[in-house]
Amino acid sequence: MIFLTSFLVSGLFCLVAQVILDNTKLTPGHITSMFTVLGAILSFLGIYPKLIEFAGAGATVQISNFGHLLYMGGVEGFKEMGVIGFASGLLVKSSTAIVAAVVFAFIFALLFKPKN
């Protein structure tokens, strides 16, 4: 059952993004940023952790999870060290995703040539 709920939640996120992309003048960059902020807002409201509990990987592989990680890292850092902890906490939880994105982008840049 977890596979079905994971698939449906992830598919719903993709459906919403595709509808926005098809019916507005927003670019994929705008939508990515919007979903990241949406993840942080849902995390602030306490909805995103429940979504992760319900859908598992269907909610953790989305770009909105990056916003959730940023928010959670900032809150934990603020609780531990105040304002300075907030800034460092943003990077603690999300550093794995950032490093993976940089490494994979570098590998794919070496393997593939851009079209003109």
Protein backbone atom coordinates (compact mmCIF):
# COMPACT_ATOMS: atom_id res chain seq x y z
CA MET A 1 0.00 0.00 0.00
CA ILE A 2 2.89 2.37 0.72
CA PHE A 3 3.95 2.11 -2.93
CA LEU A 4 0.52 3.20 -4.12
CA THR A 5 0.27 6.16 -1.73
CA SER A 6 3.83 7.17 -2.55
CA PHE A 7 3.11 7.04 -6.26
CA LEU A 8 -0.16 8.95 -5.94
CA VAL A 9 1.25 11.75 -3.77
CA SER A 10 4.32 12.16 -5.97
CA GLY A 11 2.14 12.08 -9.06
CA LEU A 12 -0.15 14.72 -7.58
CA PHE A 13 2.80 17.06 -7.06
CA CYS A 14 3.88 16.48 -10.67
CA LEU A 15 0.34 16.98 -11.95
CA VAL A 16 0.02 20.32 -10.18
CA ALA A 17 3.40 21.44 -11.54
CA GLN A 18 2.48 20.38 -15.08
CA VAL A 19 -0.89 22.17 -14.95
CA ILE A 20 0.84 25.34 -13.74
CA LEU A 21 3.49 25.02 -16.46
CA ASP A 22 0.91 24.48 -19.21
CA ASN A 23 -1.51 27.22 -18.18
CA THR A 24 0.75 30.07 -17.08
CA LYS A 25 3.83 31.86 -18.32
CA LEU A 26 5.88 30.58 -15.38
CA THR A 27 9.12 28.80 -16.20
CA PRO A 28 10.33 25.55 -14.62
CA GLY A 29 12.63 27.66 -12.45
CA HIS A 30 9.68 29.61 -11.10
CA ILE A 31 7.77 26.42 -10.35
CA THR A 32 10.78 24.85 -8.64
CA SER A 33 11.18 27.89 -6.42
CA MET A 34 7.46 27.98 -5.72
CA PHE A 35 7.42 24.31 -4.67
CA THR A 36 10.46 24.82 -2.43
CA VAL A 37 8.72 27.69 -0.65
CA LEU A 38 5.50 25.67 -0.50
CA GLY A 39 7.40 22.85 1.22
CA ALA A 40 8.70 25.26 3.85
CA ILE A 41 5.23 26.73 4.40
CA LEU A 42 3.66 23.28 4.73
CA SER A 43 6.41 22.34 7.16
CA PHE A 44 5.74 25.48 9.21
CA LEU A 45 2.06 24.57 9.37
CA GLY A 46 2.92 21.01 10.46
CA ILE A 47 1.43 19.44 7.34
CA TYR A 48 4.59 18.28 5.56
CA PRO A 49 5.80 15.90 8.32
CA LYS A 50 2.37 14.24 8.25
CA LEU A 51 2.59 14.03 4.46
CA ILE A 52 5.97 12.30 4.75
CA GLU A 53 4.54 9.88 7.29
CA PHE A 54 1.63 9.13 4.94
CA ALA A 55 3.45 8.96 1.59
CA GLY A 56 7.03 8.11 2.51
CA ALA A 57 9.33 8.56 -0.48
CA GLY A 58 6.47 10.09 -2.46
CA ALA A 59 6.93 13.22 -0.38
CA THR A 60 10.69 13.06 0.27
CA VAL A 61 11.92 12.95 -3.32
CA GLN A 62 10.03 16.08 -4.39
CA ILE A 63 11.64 19.50 -4.55
CA SER A 64 9.17 20.60 -1.90
CA ASN A 65 11.05 18.36 0.53
CA PHE A 66 14.06 20.64 0.07
CA GLY A 67 12.01 23.52 1.47
CA HIS A 68 10.93 21.27 4.34
CA LEU A 69 14.57 20.38 5.09
CA LEU A 70 15.62 24.03 4.99
CA TYR A 71 12.85 24.98 7.41
CA MET A 72 13.52 22.11 9.81
CA GLY A 73 17.27 22.76 9.77
CA GLY A 74 16.75 26.45 10.44
CA VAL A 75 14.40 25.79 13.35
CA GLU A 76 16.72 23.23 14.95
CA GLY A 77 19.73 25.50 14.52
CA PHE A 78 17.85 28.43 16.04
CA LYS A 79 16.87 26.34 19.07
CA GLU A 80 20.49 25.30 19.62
CA MET A 81 22.46 28.47 18.89
CA GLY A 82 20.08 31.35 18.20
CA VAL A 83 20.28 33.51 15.08
CA ILE A 84 23.71 32.19 14.02
CA GLY A 85 22.41 28.66 14.46
CA PHE A 86 19.52 29.45 12.14
CA ALA A 87 21.89 30.25 9.27
CA SER A 88 24.11 27.24 9.85
CA GLY A 89 21.12 24.98 10.46
CA LEU A 90 19.78 25.75 6.99
CA LEU A 91 22.81 24.03 5.52
CA VAL A 92 23.14 21.14 7.96
CA LYS A 93 19.97 19.28 6.95
CA SER A 94 20.10 20.16 3.27
CA SER A 95 23.83 19.78 2.62
CA THR A 96 23.49 16.23 1.30
CA ALA A 97 20.99 17.32 -1.34
CA ILE A 98 23.12 20.31 -2.33
CA VAL A 99 26.31 18.25 -2.65
CA ALA A 100 24.50 15.53 -4.63
CA ALA A 101 23.10 18.13 -7.05
CA VAL A 102 26.54 19.68 -7.62
CA VAL A 103 28.29 16.33 -8.07
CA PHE A 104 25.68 14.93 -10.47
CA ALA A 105 25.58 18.18 -12.45
CA PHE A 106 29.37 18.02 -12.82
CA ILE A 107 29.29 14.37 -13.93
CA PHE A 108 26.56 15.00 -16.49
CA ALA A 109 28.37 18.09 -17.77
CA LEU A 110 31.40 15.91 -18.45
CA LEU A 111 29.41 13.14 -20.13
CA PHE A 112 27.07 15.13 -22.36
CA LYS A 113 27.59 18.03 -24.77
CA PRO A 114 25.01 20.83 -24.83
CA LYS A 115 23.06 21.45 -28.01
CA ASN A 116 23.51 24.75 -29.82
